N, C-alpha and C. Protein backbone atom coordinates (compact mmCIF):
# COMPACT_ATOMS: atom_id res chain seq x y z
N MET A 1 7.63 -12.88 -20.80
CA MET A 1 7.81 -12.49 -22.00
C MET A 1 7.92 -11.06 -22.29
N SER A 2 7.42 -10.24 -21.44
CA SER A 2 7.69 -8.99 -21.67
C SER A 2 9.33 -8.69 -21.29
N VAL A 3 9.76 -9.30 -20.47
CA VAL A 3 11.17 -8.95 -20.25
C VAL A 3 12.11 -9.25 -21.27
N GLU A 4 11.59 -10.25 -22.13
CA GLU A 4 12.42 -10.70 -23.33
C GLU A 4 12.16 -9.70 -24.41
N LEU A 5 11.02 -9.15 -24.64
CA LEU A 5 10.78 -8.00 -25.61
C LEU A 5 11.46 -6.75 -25.19
N GLY A 6 11.46 -6.54 -24.05
CA GLY A 6 12.10 -5.33 -23.57
C GLY A 6 13.53 -5.47 -23.75
N THR A 7 14.13 -6.66 -23.24
CA THR A 7 15.60 -6.77 -23.65
C THR A 7 16.09 -6.72 -25.12
N LYS A 8 15.09 -7.33 -25.80
CA LYS A 8 15.42 -7.36 -27.19
C LYS A 8 15.25 -5.86 -27.84
N SER A 9 14.57 -5.18 -27.49
CA SER A 9 14.21 -3.92 -27.97
C SER A 9 15.38 -2.91 -27.35
N LEU A 10 15.85 -3.20 -26.22
CA LEU A 10 17.11 -2.19 -25.73
C LEU A 10 18.16 -2.66 -26.51
N HIS A 11 18.32 -3.91 -26.74
CA HIS A 11 19.50 -4.46 -27.58
C HIS A 11 19.50 -3.92 -28.84
N GLU A 12 18.27 -3.83 -29.50
CA GLU A 12 18.29 -3.30 -31.08
C GLU A 12 18.30 -1.78 -30.85
N HIS A 13 17.91 -1.07 -29.70
CA HIS A 13 18.09 0.42 -29.40
C HIS A 13 19.69 0.68 -29.58
N ASN A 14 20.46 -0.21 -28.72
CA ASN A 14 21.77 0.02 -28.73
C ASN A 14 22.50 -0.31 -29.83
N LYS A 15 21.95 -1.31 -30.62
CA LYS A 15 22.66 -1.69 -31.89
C LYS A 15 22.63 -0.42 -32.91
N SER A 16 21.31 0.34 -32.85
CA SER A 16 21.15 1.44 -33.79
C SER A 16 21.84 2.56 -33.35
N LEU A 17 22.58 2.62 -32.05
CA LEU A 17 23.34 3.60 -31.82
C LEU A 17 24.79 3.57 -32.44
N LEU A 18 25.30 2.45 -32.74
CA LEU A 18 26.46 2.21 -33.23
C LEU A 18 26.87 3.09 -34.38
N TYR A 19 28.24 3.43 -34.31
CA TYR A 19 28.80 4.42 -35.39
C TYR A 19 28.46 4.04 -36.93
N SER A 20 28.45 2.63 -36.98
CA SER A 20 28.22 2.16 -38.40
C SER A 20 26.66 2.29 -38.95
N ASN A 21 25.78 2.57 -37.94
CA ASN A 21 24.55 2.78 -38.33
C ASN A 21 24.09 4.13 -38.34
N ARG A 22 25.06 5.12 -38.05
CA ARG A 22 24.60 6.43 -38.08
C ARG A 22 24.51 7.00 -39.44
N PRO A 23 23.67 7.87 -39.96
CA PRO A 23 23.62 8.60 -41.15
C PRO A 23 24.98 9.04 -41.46
N LYS A 24 25.23 9.04 -42.65
CA LYS A 24 26.57 9.36 -43.28
C LYS A 24 26.35 10.51 -43.82
N PHE A 25 25.18 11.19 -44.20
CA PHE A 25 25.14 12.45 -44.85
C PHE A 25 24.20 13.35 -44.05
N LYS A 26 24.14 14.37 -44.56
CA LYS A 26 23.10 15.51 -43.93
C LYS A 26 21.69 15.09 -44.26
N GLU A 27 20.91 15.34 -43.14
CA GLU A 27 19.54 14.84 -43.18
C GLU A 27 18.74 15.63 -44.28
N ASP A 28 18.95 16.92 -44.09
CA ASP A 28 18.48 17.93 -45.24
C ASP A 28 19.43 18.23 -46.42
N ILE A 29 19.12 17.61 -47.35
CA ILE A 29 20.13 17.96 -48.42
C ILE A 29 19.79 19.18 -49.11
N ARG A 30 18.86 19.87 -48.89
CA ARG A 30 18.61 21.31 -49.33
C ARG A 30 19.26 22.46 -48.53
N ASP A 31 20.13 22.23 -47.49
CA ASP A 31 20.61 23.14 -46.96
C ASP A 31 21.89 23.67 -47.89
N ASN A 32 22.07 24.96 -47.79
CA ASN A 32 22.99 25.54 -48.53
C ASN A 32 24.29 25.50 -48.02
N ILE A 33 25.44 25.10 -48.47
CA ILE A 33 26.72 25.00 -47.82
C ILE A 33 27.47 26.37 -48.05
N TYR A 34 26.99 27.24 -48.97
CA TYR A 34 27.52 28.52 -48.95
C TYR A 34 26.72 29.50 -48.43
N VAL A 35 27.27 30.14 -47.25
CA VAL A 35 26.48 31.23 -46.58
C VAL A 35 27.48 32.54 -46.50
N ASP A 36 26.73 33.56 -46.45
CA ASP A 36 27.20 34.92 -46.55
C ASP A 36 27.71 35.58 -45.31
N LYS A 37 27.50 34.72 -44.34
CA LYS A 37 28.03 35.24 -42.87
C LYS A 37 29.23 35.09 -42.35
N ILE A 38 29.84 35.74 -41.69
CA ILE A 38 31.16 35.60 -41.21
C ILE A 38 31.13 34.77 -40.13
N ARG A 39 32.00 33.61 -39.99
CA ARG A 39 31.90 32.83 -39.03
C ARG A 39 32.68 33.35 -37.94
N THR A 40 31.98 33.03 -36.55
CA THR A 40 32.58 33.85 -35.51
C THR A 40 33.48 32.67 -34.63
N ASP A 41 33.37 31.53 -35.17
CA ASP A 41 34.02 30.25 -34.32
C ASP A 41 35.47 30.04 -34.82
N GLY A 42 35.92 30.81 -35.96
CA GLY A 42 37.21 30.51 -36.44
C GLY A 42 38.20 31.32 -35.60
N VAL A 43 39.58 31.35 -36.14
CA VAL A 43 40.37 31.91 -35.85
C VAL A 43 40.69 33.22 -36.47
N LEU A 44 40.84 34.58 -35.66
CA LEU A 44 41.14 35.76 -36.50
C LEU A 44 42.63 36.02 -36.41
N PHE A 45 42.83 36.49 -37.63
CA PHE A 45 44.41 36.78 -37.98
C PHE A 45 44.50 38.23 -37.66
N GLU A 46 45.68 38.56 -37.04
CA GLU A 46 45.86 40.11 -36.99
C GLU A 46 46.90 40.55 -38.04
N GLU A 47 46.63 41.66 -38.37
CA GLU A 47 47.18 42.27 -39.75
C GLU A 47 48.71 42.63 -39.35
N ILE A 48 49.46 42.25 -40.39
CA ILE A 48 51.19 42.44 -40.16
C ILE A 48 51.52 43.36 -41.21
N GLU A 49 52.52 44.05 -40.84
CA GLU A 49 53.22 45.15 -41.87
C GLU A 49 53.74 44.35 -43.01
N LYS A 50 53.78 45.15 -44.34
CA LYS A 50 54.18 44.54 -45.35
C LYS A 50 55.67 44.37 -45.13
N ASP A 51 56.28 45.30 -44.70
CA ASP A 51 57.98 45.14 -44.51
C ASP A 51 58.15 43.82 -43.59
N LYS A 52 57.39 43.76 -42.67
CA LYS A 52 57.74 42.63 -41.70
C LYS A 52 57.61 41.22 -42.41
N LEU A 53 56.42 41.24 -43.22
CA LEU A 53 56.07 40.04 -44.06
C LEU A 53 57.30 39.87 -45.05
N GLU A 54 57.64 40.88 -45.81
CA GLU A 54 58.88 40.48 -46.74
C GLU A 54 60.11 40.33 -46.19
N ARG A 55 60.30 40.63 -45.04
CA ARG A 55 61.60 40.02 -44.23
C ARG A 55 61.46 38.91 -43.90
N VAL A 56 60.30 38.26 -43.37
CA VAL A 56 60.20 36.96 -43.00
C VAL A 56 60.13 36.09 -44.30
N ILE A 57 59.70 36.25 -45.44
CA ILE A 57 59.60 35.76 -46.76
C ILE A 57 61.27 35.57 -47.36
N ALA A 58 61.83 36.85 -46.98
CA ALA A 58 63.30 36.77 -47.72
C ALA A 58 64.11 35.77 -46.65
N GLN A 59 63.78 35.66 -45.47
CA GLN A 59 64.59 34.84 -44.50
C GLN A 59 64.30 33.44 -44.81
N ILE A 60 63.09 33.31 -45.05
CA ILE A 60 62.63 31.70 -45.47
C ILE A 60 63.48 31.18 -46.81
N LYS A 61 63.44 32.28 -47.55
CA LYS A 61 64.24 31.87 -49.04
C LYS A 61 65.75 31.76 -48.82
N ALA A 62 66.15 32.53 -47.93
CA ALA A 62 67.70 32.46 -47.75
C ALA A 62 67.98 31.08 -47.01
N ASN A 63 67.08 30.74 -45.91
CA ASN A 63 67.20 29.46 -45.08
C ASN A 63 67.13 28.26 -46.10
N ALA A 64 66.06 28.39 -47.25
CA ALA A 64 65.74 27.24 -48.21
C ALA A 64 67.11 27.06 -49.06
N LYS A 65 67.60 28.29 -49.55
CA LYS A 65 68.71 28.10 -50.26
C LYS A 65 70.04 27.77 -49.56
N ARG A 66 70.26 28.12 -48.26
CA ARG A 66 71.30 27.38 -47.56
C ARG A 66 71.10 25.81 -47.23
N GLU A 67 69.88 25.49 -47.27
CA GLU A 67 69.68 24.23 -47.09
C GLU A 67 69.83 23.39 -48.31
N LEU A 68 69.58 23.96 -49.50
CA LEU A 68 69.75 23.31 -50.59
C LEU A 68 71.33 23.24 -51.04
N ILE A 69 72.08 23.98 -50.65
CA ILE A 69 73.34 24.20 -50.82
C ILE A 69 74.02 23.13 -50.00
N LYS A 70 73.50 22.96 -48.98
CA LYS A 70 74.19 22.09 -47.87
C LYS A 70 74.00 20.64 -48.42
N ASP A 71 72.71 20.40 -49.07
CA ASP A 71 72.34 19.15 -49.52
C ASP A 71 73.20 18.76 -50.75
N PHE A 72 73.39 19.81 -51.60
CA PHE A 72 74.40 19.49 -52.76
C PHE A 72 75.73 19.14 -52.44
N LYS A 73 76.09 19.79 -51.17
CA LYS A 73 77.44 19.48 -50.80
C LYS A 73 77.51 18.03 -50.37
N TYR A 74 76.56 17.60 -49.60
CA TYR A 74 76.54 16.33 -49.13
C TYR A 74 76.44 15.22 -50.21
N LEU A 75 75.55 15.81 -51.25
CA LEU A 75 75.69 14.83 -52.50
C LEU A 75 77.07 14.67 -53.28
N ALA A 76 77.73 16.04 -53.30
CA ALA A 76 79.02 15.87 -53.95
C ALA A 76 80.05 15.11 -53.24
N ILE A 77 79.99 15.18 -51.87
CA ILE A 77 80.76 14.31 -51.15
C ILE A 77 80.65 12.93 -51.17
N SER A 78 79.44 12.45 -51.19
CA SER A 78 78.96 11.09 -51.28
C SER A 78 79.36 10.59 -52.54
N ILE A 79 79.00 11.24 -53.51
CA ILE A 79 79.59 10.80 -54.82
C ILE A 79 80.99 10.52 -55.05
N PHE A 80 81.83 11.60 -54.52
CA PHE A 80 83.34 11.49 -54.45
C PHE A 80 83.81 10.29 -53.53
N ILE A 81 83.28 10.04 -52.35
CA ILE A 81 83.60 8.78 -51.80
C ILE A 81 83.17 7.56 -52.37
N THR A 82 82.15 7.42 -53.10
CA THR A 82 81.72 6.40 -53.88
C THR A 82 82.69 6.02 -55.06
N ILE A 83 83.25 7.16 -55.72
CA ILE A 83 83.98 6.98 -56.85
C ILE A 83 85.37 6.40 -56.27
N LEU A 84 85.89 7.05 -55.15
CA LEU A 84 87.24 6.68 -54.50
C LEU A 84 87.18 4.90 -54.18
N ILE A 85 85.93 4.80 -53.63
CA ILE A 85 85.88 3.25 -52.98
C ILE A 85 85.81 2.27 -54.25
N MET A 86 85.01 2.86 -55.34
CA MET A 86 85.02 2.03 -56.60
C MET A 86 86.35 1.82 -57.19
N PHE A 87 87.37 3.03 -57.15
CA PHE A 87 88.55 2.96 -57.73
C PHE A 87 89.50 1.92 -56.97
N PHE A 88 89.37 2.10 -55.69
CA PHE A 88 90.27 1.17 -54.76
C PHE A 88 89.87 -0.23 -55.02
N LEU A 89 88.57 -0.46 -54.92
CA LEU A 89 88.12 -1.84 -55.31
C LEU A 89 88.44 -2.31 -56.53
N LYS A 90 88.45 -1.58 -57.63
CA LYS A 90 88.73 -2.03 -58.81
C LYS A 90 90.31 -2.43 -58.98
N ASP A 91 91.23 -1.45 -58.32
CA ASP A 91 92.55 -2.01 -58.15
C ASP A 91 92.90 -3.12 -57.26
N TYR A 92 92.09 -3.45 -56.31
CA TYR A 92 92.34 -4.38 -55.34
C TYR A 92 92.05 -5.69 -56.24
N LEU A 93 90.92 -5.53 -57.01
CA LEU A 93 90.33 -6.64 -57.64
C LEU A 93 91.29 -7.13 -58.79
N ASP A 94 91.78 -6.25 -59.48
CA ASP A 94 92.65 -6.29 -60.47
C ASP A 94 94.08 -7.10 -60.21
N GLN A 95 94.53 -6.63 -58.94
CA GLN A 95 95.78 -7.32 -58.52
C GLN A 95 95.53 -8.73 -57.95
N ARG A 96 94.36 -8.81 -57.47
CA ARG A 96 93.98 -10.17 -56.77
C ARG A 96 93.86 -11.30 -57.83
N PHE A 97 93.41 -10.79 -59.03
CA PHE A 97 92.77 -11.74 -59.95
C PHE A 97 93.75 -11.74 -61.31
N SER A 98 94.92 -11.09 -61.20
CA SER A 98 95.71 -10.77 -62.38
C SER A 98 96.70 -12.21 -62.35
N ILE A 99 97.04 -12.49 -63.52
CA ILE A 99 97.80 -13.79 -63.79
C ILE A 99 99.14 -13.58 -63.90
């Protein structure tokens, strides 16, 4: 009988360790989430010069503008090809079904 209780107890213990049975919130809700300390586990960023930052931003804007112009060219070409196809299709259907 003691073996059965021990096994059942161990089974219940393992079941309590499942992820679905773990607490989903902090145990102590009175902990303040705002702390005035500087975190030491984060990534420290190095300071960069303002000129270099402005050059990088200008380069990003130029690349975005170039990409936008390229997209507009693709759009114009696709609209032009679509209009040509519709025009030739209309002429073909007019010739085919004319009496």
